[in-house]
Protein backbone atom coordinates (compact mmCIF):
# COMPACT_ATOMS: atom_id res chain seq x y z
CA MET A 1 -187.07 -57.68 14.68
CA GLN A 2 -185.45 -58.34 18.13
CA VAL A 3 -182.42 -56.28 19.56
CA THR A 4 -180.59 -57.90 22.35
CA LEU A 5 -177.46 -56.86 24.01
CA THR A 6 -174.83 -59.49 25.27
CA ARG A 7 -171.70 -59.04 27.45
CA TRP A 8 -168.78 -58.72 25.24
CA GLY A 9 -166.88 -62.12 25.13
CA PRO A 10 -163.72 -63.80 23.84
CA ASP A 11 -165.06 -64.74 20.51
CA ASP A 12 -166.24 -60.95 19.88
CA LEU A 13 -163.21 -59.87 17.88
CA PRO A 14 -164.64 -60.30 14.55
CA VAL A 15 -167.36 -57.60 15.51
CA LEU A 16 -164.65 -55.27 15.92
CA GLU A 17 -163.05 -56.41 12.52
CA ARG A 18 -166.23 -55.97 10.63
CA ALA A 19 -166.67 -52.21 12.06
CA ASN A 20 -162.99 -51.34 11.06
CA THR A 21 -163.63 -50.28 7.35
CA PRO A 22 -163.20 -46.88 5.83
CA GLU A 23 -166.95 -46.25 6.03
CA MET A 24 -167.40 -47.36 9.52
CA THR A 25 -164.83 -45.30 10.85
CA ALA A 26 -165.04 -42.10 8.71
CA HIS A 27 -166.09 -40.06 11.92
CA LEU A 28 -163.21 -41.59 14.05
CA GLY A 29 -159.97 -40.99 12.04
CA GLY A 30 -159.99 -43.99 9.97
CA PRO A 31 -159.36 -47.74 10.35
CA GLU A 32 -157.08 -49.15 13.35
CA THR A 33 -154.51 -51.67 12.58
CA ASP A 34 -155.09 -55.32 13.31
CA GLU A 35 -152.85 -54.99 16.33
CA GLN A 36 -154.90 -52.06 17.71
CA LEU A 37 -157.96 -54.11 17.13
CA ARG A 38 -156.62 -57.04 19.24
CA GLU A 39 -155.57 -54.58 21.99
CA ARG A 40 -159.32 -52.97 21.71
CA HIS A 41 -160.73 -56.36 22.28
CA ALA A 42 -158.56 -57.25 25.03
CA ARG A 43 -159.29 -54.14 26.59
CA TYR A 44 -163.00 -54.73 26.67
CA LEU A 45 -162.72 -57.97 28.45
CA ARG A 46 -160.33 -56.53 31.02
CA LEU A 47 -162.55 -53.50 31.64
CA ASN A 48 -165.63 -55.82 31.74
CA ALA A 49 -163.84 -57.95 34.46
CA SER A 50 -162.97 -55.01 36.65
CA ARG A 51 -166.37 -53.27 36.27
CA GLU A 52 -164.73 -50.18 34.89
CA ALA A 53 -166.71 -50.90 31.74
CA CYS A 54 -169.89 -52.60 30.19
CA MET A 55 -168.80 -53.55 26.81
CA LEU A 56 -171.61 -55.32 24.82
CA ARG A 57 -172.41 -56.95 21.50
CA ILE A 58 -175.58 -55.88 19.68
CA ASP A 59 -177.55 -58.84 18.24
CA VAL A 60 -180.51 -58.83 15.99
CA ASP A 61 -182.53 -61.95 15.98
CA GLY A 62 -179.44 -63.64 17.15
CA VAL A 63 -176.98 -62.33 14.59
CA PRO A 64 -174.02 -59.96 15.58
CA ALA A 65 -174.79 -56.42 14.38
CA GLY A 66 -172.37 -54.16 16.35
CA GLY A 67 -171.51 -53.22 19.70
CA ILE A 68 -172.14 -50.67 22.33
CA GLY A 69 -171.12 -49.85 25.82
CA TYR A 70 -170.34 -47.75 28.65
CA TRP A 71 -167.31 -47.04 30.77
CA GLN A 72 -166.25 -44.80 33.49
CA ALA A 73 -165.32 -40.80 32.65
CA GLU A 74 -165.58 -37.46 33.89
CA HIS A 75 -167.31 -34.67 32.49
CA ASP A 76 -166.31 -31.25 33.70
CA GLY A 77 -165.21 -32.98 36.91
CA VAL A 78 -168.38 -34.90 37.55
CA PRO A 79 -168.16 -38.59 37.58
CA ALA A 80 -169.98 -39.98 34.64
CA PHE A 81 -170.33 -42.99 32.27
CA GLU A 82 -169.31 -42.33 28.84
CA THR A 83 -171.02 -44.34 25.75
CA GLY A 84 -170.26 -45.16 22.23
CA TRP A 85 -171.58 -47.46 19.59
CA SER A 86 -171.25 -48.82 16.13
CA VAL A 87 -174.09 -50.54 14.05
CA GLU A 88 -172.88 -52.50 10.76
CA PRO A 89 -174.25 -50.96 7.47
CA ASP A 90 -176.69 -53.87 6.70
CA TRP A 91 -178.46 -52.94 9.98
CA GLN A 92 -178.32 -49.13 9.86
CA GLY A 93 -181.74 -47.24 9.11
CA ARG A 94 -183.71 -49.85 10.86
CA GLY A 95 -183.77 -48.63 14.43
CA VAL A 96 -181.08 -50.96 15.84
CA ALA A 97 -178.86 -48.41 17.19
CA ARG A 98 -182.00 -46.63 18.83
CA GLU A 99 -183.20 -49.79 20.51
CA ALA A 100 -179.63 -50.67 21.69
CA LEU A 101 -178.97 -47.21 23.27
CA ARG A 102 -182.52 -47.34 24.80
CA GLN A 103 -181.56 -50.77 26.55
CA LEU A 104 -178.02 -49.32 27.55
CA ILE A 105 -179.45 -46.36 29.23
CA ARG A 106 -181.51 -48.90 31.39
CA LEU A 107 -178.46 -50.63 32.07
CA VAL A 108 -176.87 -47.52 33.30
CA VAL A 109 -179.92 -46.57 35.62
CA ALA A 110 -179.80 -50.08 37.08
CA ASP A 111 -176.06 -49.75 37.53
CA GLY A 112 -176.87 -46.77 39.73
CA ARG A 113 -172.79 -45.93 40.49
CA ARG A 114 -173.21 -42.80 38.28
CA GLY A 115 -176.08 -40.56 37.42
CA LEU A 116 -174.54 -38.93 34.24
CA LEU A 117 -174.16 -40.67 31.02
CA VAL A 118 -172.45 -38.70 28.39
CA ALA A 119 -171.48 -39.20 24.61
CA TYR A 120 -169.27 -37.17 22.27
CA PRO A 121 -169.92 -38.08 18.60
CA GLY A 122 -168.26 -35.87 15.90
CA VAL A 123 -169.69 -32.96 14.70
CA ASP A 124 -170.24 -34.27 11.31
CA ASN A 125 -171.84 -37.54 12.31
CA ALA A 126 -175.40 -36.80 11.71
CA GLY A 127 -176.72 -40.13 12.50
CA SER A 128 -175.17 -40.37 16.07
CA ASN A 129 -175.81 -36.99 16.89
CA ALA A 130 -179.48 -37.57 15.89
CA LEU A 131 -179.67 -40.65 18.20
CA CYS A 132 -178.44 -38.58 21.22
CA ARG A 133 -181.11 -36.04 20.59
CA GLY A 134 -183.89 -38.61 20.17
CA ALA A 135 -182.83 -40.33 23.54
CA GLY A 136 -183.18 -37.38 25.45
CA PHE A 137 -179.38 -36.15 25.62
CA GLU A 138 -178.81 -32.47 26.24
CA HIS A 139 -176.59 -30.59 23.76
CA ARG A 140 -173.93 -28.81 25.89
CA GLY A 141 -171.48 -27.43 23.02
CA SER A 142 -168.67 -28.76 21.24
CA ALA A 143 -164.95 -29.24 21.62
CA THR A 144 -161.97 -30.22 19.82
CA ALA A 145 -159.24 -32.69 21.25
CA PRO A 146 -156.30 -34.77 19.76
CA TRP A 147 -157.63 -38.28 18.42
CA ARG A 148 -155.53 -40.85 16.50
CA GLY A 149 -152.74 -38.70 15.55
CA GLY A 150 -154.95 -35.77 14.42
CA GLU A 151 -158.05 -33.75 15.94
CA LEU A 152 -161.47 -34.63 16.22
CA THR A 153 -164.36 -31.94 16.93
CA PHE A 154 -167.09 -33.45 18.60
CA ASN A 155 -170.30 -32.46 20.40
CA ASN A 156 -171.20 -32.85 24.26
CA TRP A 157 -174.32 -34.74 24.93
CA LEU A 158 -175.55 -35.09 28.29
CA LEU A 159 -178.27 -37.22 29.85
CA ASP A 160 -179.05 -36.94 33.91
CA VAL A 161 -180.31 -40.19 34.97
CA SER A 162 -179.88 -39.40 38.57
CA PRO A 163 -182.94 -40.54 40.72
CA LEU A 164 -185.52 -38.13 42.12
CA ASP A 165 -184.35 -36.06 44.92
CA LEU A 166 -186.83 -34.49 47.30
CA ALA A 167 -184.55 -34.56 50.46
CA GLY A 168 -184.91 -31.01 52.07
CA ARG A 169 -187.86 -29.87 49.86
CA GLN A 170 -191.29 -29.07 50.98
CA PRO A 171 -194.47 -29.48 48.99
CA GLY A 172 -196.35 -26.70 48.04
CA VAL A 173 -199.50 -28.70 48.22
CA ASP A 174 -199.69 -32.36 49.66
CA GLU A 175 -203.15 -33.87 48.92
CA GLN A 176 -203.66 -36.95 50.74
CA PHE A 177 -207.51 -37.24 50.42
CA ASP A 178 -207.79 -37.65 54.16
CA GLY A 179 -211.19 -35.64 54.81
CA ASP A 180 -214.50 -36.69 54.16
CA LEU A 181 -215.22 -34.31 51.14
CA LEU A 182 -213.06 -33.44 48.31
CA ASP A 183 -211.48 -29.92 48.66
CA GLU A 184 -213.60 -28.06 46.10
CA ALA A 185 -210.98 -25.15 46.02
CA ARG A 186 -208.71 -27.60 44.45
CA TRP A 187 -210.62 -30.35 42.58
CA TRP A 188 -213.40 -30.10 39.99
CA PRO A 189 -215.25 -33.32 39.79
CA PHE A 190 -216.44 -33.22 35.95
CA TYR A 191 -214.47 -34.46 32.72
CA THR A 192 -214.21 -31.37 30.37
CA PRO A 193 -217.82 -30.59 31.07
CA HIS A 194 -218.06 -27.63 28.47
CA TRP A 195 -218.01 -30.21 25.50
CA ALA A 196 -220.96 -32.23 27.04
CA SER A 197 -222.56 -31.13 30.51
CA ARG A 198 -221.74 -31.35 34.32
CA GLU A 199 -224.37 -33.96 34.90
CA ALA A 200 -223.27 -36.18 32.07
CA THR A 201 -219.35 -35.96 33.07
CA ARG A 202 -220.03 -36.20 36.98
CA ALA A 203 -217.42 -38.07 38.87
CA ARG A 204 -217.97 -41.32 41.02
CA TRP A 205 -215.43 -40.78 43.90
CA SER A 206 -215.28 -41.70 47.53
CA LEU A 207 -212.83 -40.86 50.14
CA GLY A 208 -211.48 -43.09 53.15
CA GLY A 209 -209.43 -45.80 53.97
CA GLY A 210 -206.39 -43.85 53.12
CA GLY A 211 -207.22 -42.14 49.84
CA LEU A 212 -209.29 -41.40 46.98
CA GLU A 213 -211.16 -43.98 44.86
CA LEU A 214 -212.55 -43.08 41.42
CA ARG A 215 -215.22 -45.45 39.97
CA VAL A 216 -216.58 -46.48 36.70
CA GLY A 217 -219.93 -48.56 37.66
CA GLU A 218 -222.94 -49.75 35.91
CA ASP A 219 -224.62 -46.40 36.49
CA THR A 220 -221.68 -44.40 34.93
CA PRO A 221 -223.03 -43.35 31.40
CA PRO A 222 -220.96 -42.40 28.19
CA TRP A 223 -219.71 -39.00 28.96
CA ALA A 224 -220.41 -37.68 25.40
CA PRO A 225 -222.03 -40.33 23.01
CA GLU A 226 -222.15 -38.25 19.95
CA LEU A 227 -218.42 -37.25 20.23
CA ASP A 228 -216.73 -40.20 22.00
CA GLY A 229 -219.10 -43.08 21.48
CA ASP A 230 -219.44 -45.37 24.44
CA LEU A 231 -216.30 -44.10 26.45
CA ARG A 232 -217.17 -43.89 30.18
CA VAL A 233 -215.00 -41.92 32.59
CA SER A 234 -214.71 -40.93 35.99
CA HIS A 235 -212.27 -37.95 36.36
CA LEU A 236 -211.20 -35.14 38.68
CA GLN A 237 -209.34 -31.91 37.18
CA THR A 238 -207.94 -29.04 38.97
CA GLY A 239 -209.02 -26.21 36.84
CA GLN A 240 -211.56 -25.30 34.24
CA PHE A 241 -211.44 -22.84 31.49
CA SER A 242 -213.97 -22.59 28.45
CA GLY A 243 -215.81 -19.88 26.62
CA PRO A 244 -219.51 -19.38 26.06
CA VAL A 245 -221.93 -21.86 24.27
CA SER A 246 -221.35 -22.34 20.79
CA SER A 247 -217.75 -21.33 20.87
CA ASP A 248 -214.81 -23.37 20.38
CA VAL A 249 -212.86 -22.32 23.30
CA GLY A 250 -212.28 -24.91 25.95
CA GLN A 251 -209.59 -27.24 27.35
CA HIS A 252 -208.45 -30.63 25.81
CA ARG A 253 -209.73 -29.98 22.25
CA PHE A 254 -209.24 -33.88 21.36
CA ARG A 255 -211.08 -33.72 17.99
CA ASP A 256 -211.77 -31.14 15.37
CA GLY A 257 -215.11 -29.28 15.42
CA LEU A 258 -215.93 -29.32 18.98
CA VAL A 259 -218.26 -26.40 20.46
CA VAL A 260 -219.18 -25.50 23.85
CA ARG A 261 -222.38 -27.27 25.00
CA GLU A 262 -222.73 -25.88 28.52
CA GLU A 263 -220.95 -22.87 29.93
CA GLN A 264 -218.78 -23.41 32.69
CA PRO A 265 -217.52 -21.22 35.60
CA GLU A 266 -213.92 -20.50 35.68
CA GLN A 267 -211.82 -22.59 38.08
CA ARG A 268 -208.12 -22.19 39.31
CA GLY A 269 -208.08 -24.75 41.89
CA TRP A 270 -204.48 -26.17 41.57
CA LEU A 271 -202.40 -24.73 38.79
CA VAL A 272 -198.61 -25.53 38.64
CA ARG A 273 -195.81 -23.99 36.66
CA HIS A 274 -192.50 -25.96 36.83
CA GLY A 275 -191.02 -27.90 40.02
CA VAL A 276 -192.08 -31.39 40.76
CA ILE A 277 -195.47 -33.05 40.46
CA GLU A 278 -195.94 -36.61 41.83
CA VAL A 279 -198.90 -38.93 42.01
CA ARG A 280 -199.36 -42.32 44.14
CA LEU A 281 -201.73 -44.41 42.49
CA ALA A 282 -202.60 -48.16 41.56
CA ALA A 283 -203.43 -49.28 38.27
CA VAL A 284 -206.37 -51.48 37.25
CA LYS A 285 -205.90 -54.92 35.31
CA HIS A 286 -208.56 -54.96 32.95
CA ARG A 287 -208.62 -55.02 29.35
CA ASP A 288 -211.14 -52.45 29.01
CA VAL A 289 -209.78 -49.84 31.42
CA MET A 290 -207.07 -47.16 31.22
CA VAL A 291 -206.04 -45.00 34.30
CA ALA A 292 -203.98 -41.80 33.77
CA PHE A 293 -202.70 -38.77 35.27
CA TRP A 294 -202.06 -36.02 32.92
CA PRO A 295 -201.15 -32.45 33.79
CA ILE A 296 -202.52 -30.30 30.50
CA GLY A 297 -202.12 -26.69 29.95
CA PHE A 298 -204.97 -24.58 31.47
CA GLU A 299 -205.41 -23.18 28.00
CA GLU A 300 -206.24 -19.53 28.52
CA ARG A 301 -204.31 -19.29 25.59
CA PRO A 302 -205.32 -21.63 22.68
CA ASP A 303 -201.94 -22.81 22.08
CA ASP A 304 -200.93 -23.52 25.79
CA CYS A 305 -202.64 -26.95 25.67
CA GLY A 306 -199.44 -29.36 25.69
CA GLU A 307 -199.84 -32.35 27.98
CA LEU A 308 -197.33 -33.98 30.64
CA CYS A 309 -198.11 -37.64 30.61
CA ILE A 310 -196.85 -38.67 34.16
CA ALA A 311 -198.60 -42.22 33.90
CA GLU A 312 -201.01 -43.82 31.29
CA ILE A 313 -201.72 -47.46 32.07
CA PHE A 314 -203.81 -49.66 30.09
CA GLY A 315 -205.15 -52.55 32.16
CA GLY A 316 -204.81 -55.03 28.92
CA GLU A 317 -200.82 -54.30 29.12
CA LEU A 318 -200.15 -55.58 32.51
CA ASP A 319 -199.00 -59.17 33.09
CA ASP A 320 -198.07 -61.27 36.18
CA ASP A 321 -194.72 -60.13 36.19
CA GLY A 322 -195.48 -56.29 35.56
CA GLY A 323 -196.76 -53.96 32.52
CA TRP A 324 -196.21 -50.79 30.57
CA VAL A 325 -196.39 -47.24 31.53
CA GLY A 326 -196.96 -44.43 29.16
CA VAL A 327 -194.67 -41.16 30.01
CA GLY A 328 -193.74 -38.08 27.84
CA VAL A 329 -195.02 -35.05 26.39
CA LYS A 330 -197.80 -34.57 23.86
CA PRO A 331 -198.55 -31.49 21.94
CA GLN A 332 -202.06 -31.76 21.81
CA ASN A 333 -202.69 -28.68 20.00
CA ASP A 334 -199.64 -26.70 20.85
CA PRO A 335 -197.56 -26.15 17.71
CA ARG A 336 -194.34 -25.30 19.55
CA LEU A 337 -194.18 -29.14 20.98
CA ARG A 338 -193.35 -32.36 19.17
CA GLU A 339 -194.68 -35.65 20.59
CA ASP A 340 -192.14 -37.29 22.60
CA PHE A 341 -193.82 -40.50 24.21
CA GLU A 342 -193.11 -43.99 24.97
CA LYS A 343 -194.21 -46.83 27.00
CA ILE A 344 -191.88 -48.08 29.48
CA ARG A 345 -191.81 -51.51 30.66
CA ILE A 346 -192.08 -51.65 34.56
CA ASP A 347 -191.49 -54.93 36.71
CA GLY A 348 -193.49 -55.89 39.73
CA ASP A 349 -197.48 -55.49 40.53
CA LEU A 350 -198.83 -52.25 39.00
CA THR A 351 -201.93 -52.65 40.71
CA ALA A 352 -200.22 -52.03 43.93
CA MET A 353 -199.41 -48.35 44.95
CA HIS A 354 -196.30 -46.77 43.01
CA ASP A 355 -195.33 -43.19 42.80
CA TYR A 356 -195.26 -41.56 39.49
CA ALA A 357 -193.46 -38.12 39.08
CA VAL A 358 -192.06 -35.53 36.66
CA GLU A 359 -189.41 -33.01 37.37
CA TRP A 360 -190.13 -30.05 35.26
CA THR A 361 -187.97 -27.09 34.40
CA PRO A 362 -188.25 -24.35 31.53
CA GLU A 363 -185.69 -26.60 29.60
CA ARG A 364 -186.58 -30.14 30.20
CA VAL A 365 -188.94 -32.73 31.94
CA ARG A 366 -187.67 -35.91 33.74
CA PHE A 367 -189.90 -38.68 34.45
CA PHE A 368 -189.69 -41.20 37.36
CA ILE A 369 -191.19 -44.11 38.51
CA ASP A 370 -190.86 -45.04 42.21
CA GLY A 371 -188.19 -42.25 42.26
CA THR A 372 -185.98 -44.09 39.45
CA TRP A 373 -185.38 -42.01 36.16
CA VAL A 374 -187.16 -43.68 33.30
CA LYS A 375 -187.28 -40.75 30.56
CA THR A 376 -186.19 -37.18 29.70
CA VAL A 377 -187.80 -34.89 27.21
CA VAL A 378 -185.87 -31.84 26.13
CA GLN A 379 -188.47 -29.71 25.47
CA SER A 380 -190.03 -26.37 26.94
CA ILE A 381 -193.55 -26.25 28.27
CA ASP A 382 -193.58 -22.77 30.11
CA TYR A 383 -197.21 -22.30 31.14
CA PRO A 384 -199.48 -23.31 33.82
CA VAL A 385 -201.01 -26.76 33.84
CA GLN A 386 -203.77 -28.38 35.71
CA PHE A 387 -204.26 -32.13 36.69
CA MET A 388 -206.30 -34.58 35.20
CA LEU A 389 -207.01 -37.74 36.91
CA ASP A 390 -208.80 -40.58 35.07
CA VAL A 391 -210.16 -44.20 35.08
CA TYR A 392 -211.69 -44.83 31.55
CA GLU A 393 -213.83 -47.94 30.44
CA PHE A 394 -213.52 -48.26 26.86
CA PRO A 395 -216.16 -49.82 24.61
CA ARG A 396 -215.79 -53.20 23.16
CA PRO A 397 -216.33 -53.63 19.48
CA ASP A 398 -219.56 -55.76 20.28
CA GLY A 399 -220.93 -53.17 22.61
CA ILE A 400 -221.03 -55.57 25.63
CA ARG A 401 -219.88 -54.35 28.74
CA ASP A 402 -217.91 -56.53 31.18
CA THR A 403 -220.63 -55.94 34.09
CA ALA A 404 -219.17 -58.64 36.43
CA ALA A 405 -216.03 -56.69 36.64
CA LEU A 406 -217.75 -53.59 37.59
CA PRO A 407 -216.92 -51.22 39.18
CA HIS A 408 -213.57 -50.21 37.81
CA VAL A 409 -211.90 -48.47 40.59
CA LEU A 410 -208.73 -46.09 40.38
CA ARG A 411 -207.06 -45.80 43.81
CA VAL A 412 -205.10 -42.80 44.48
CA GLU A 413 -203.18 -42.17 48.23
CA ARG A 414 -201.60 -39.00 47.31
CA VAL A 415 -201.05 -36.11 44.81
CA ARG A 416 -198.38 -33.29 45.71
CA SER A 417 -196.24 -30.69 44.05
CA PHE A 418 -193.14 -29.03 44.79
CA PRO A 419 -192.11 -25.45 43.49
CA PRO A 420 -189.05 -25.21 41.58
CA ALA A 421 -185.63 -25.90 43.70
């Protein structure tokens, strides 16, 4: 099923007519007259022409299925775009509205004239309220106003899509990898060694030429064959917390039944709680490779283990025009969190350097690529995180490595963190 948005045109009056039923207008005060529909249709065309609005038809596999749009508004005196939508009954419950809203938000970001998107569905419109919540809008109370000869009580949903603004802010740490050695006060060059050993999980790395290189080469062994098969990884992390041998206390409990195999010293190298975290890195275009930057809970308490996935890029998902970047929040084993993760299509060469960042408050996490907003997650992660910087080589089903492509190299120019504003 392909959902597309098409600019509202002169022949789209029938879309409004099909939406003008008691069922479709139950949360809007009932159907409009034929004259009101024609006026609405003309207004859509006029506002599109003046750029005061962007009104669109929703198509599913080329068949008109509803409408969506955004138009100029204000919220509490702040310039904003307001959005609204309708999807015909035959297409409801199939993810059409969710995908249409996702595409519309991208259009608002690309428009760039206003950094706030608002929606005001009726309080009893469960579907539209759920749609706002799932898209990362924040609920800011409700209000009642005159509407179509009566009153409508509606919820206020706000989505901040403004770009990342670091003007005037100084980083707490700005790691540019410009020395000859890793700063061991910050970086621990082993991949969760408590589940295996430091020797098996030791990173292959080098500095110079303007940054860090992490490598998976011919000499990189599987990090824990009995736990993770032939997965190979070169990795740095900025903290280490685990218990004694044979205990189940340790960070990144990626499967059940894990026990500590080698005791590790506690490391509190570079832990962050709220603020901005940013990395500048280049992905690797190879089907066996994934690169990632994951701040995860330091996990001094077992439930404090959620993940802020700032960038997760599979080399097999890159092409000549761009690729997919995974961003969002993963609970791991934190029962207070729900997974809110998605892959964002980014145009351009992702094997070149790009900036990936989060702006993290106790209420929400906003994700950015090259300073442009791409996602908001309205959840609270309220404990320190450490950084996990990785390049992985995944095993193929036939067990044969592509040795001609080795080494797989993750290049990183910079990692920095800013304290809360």
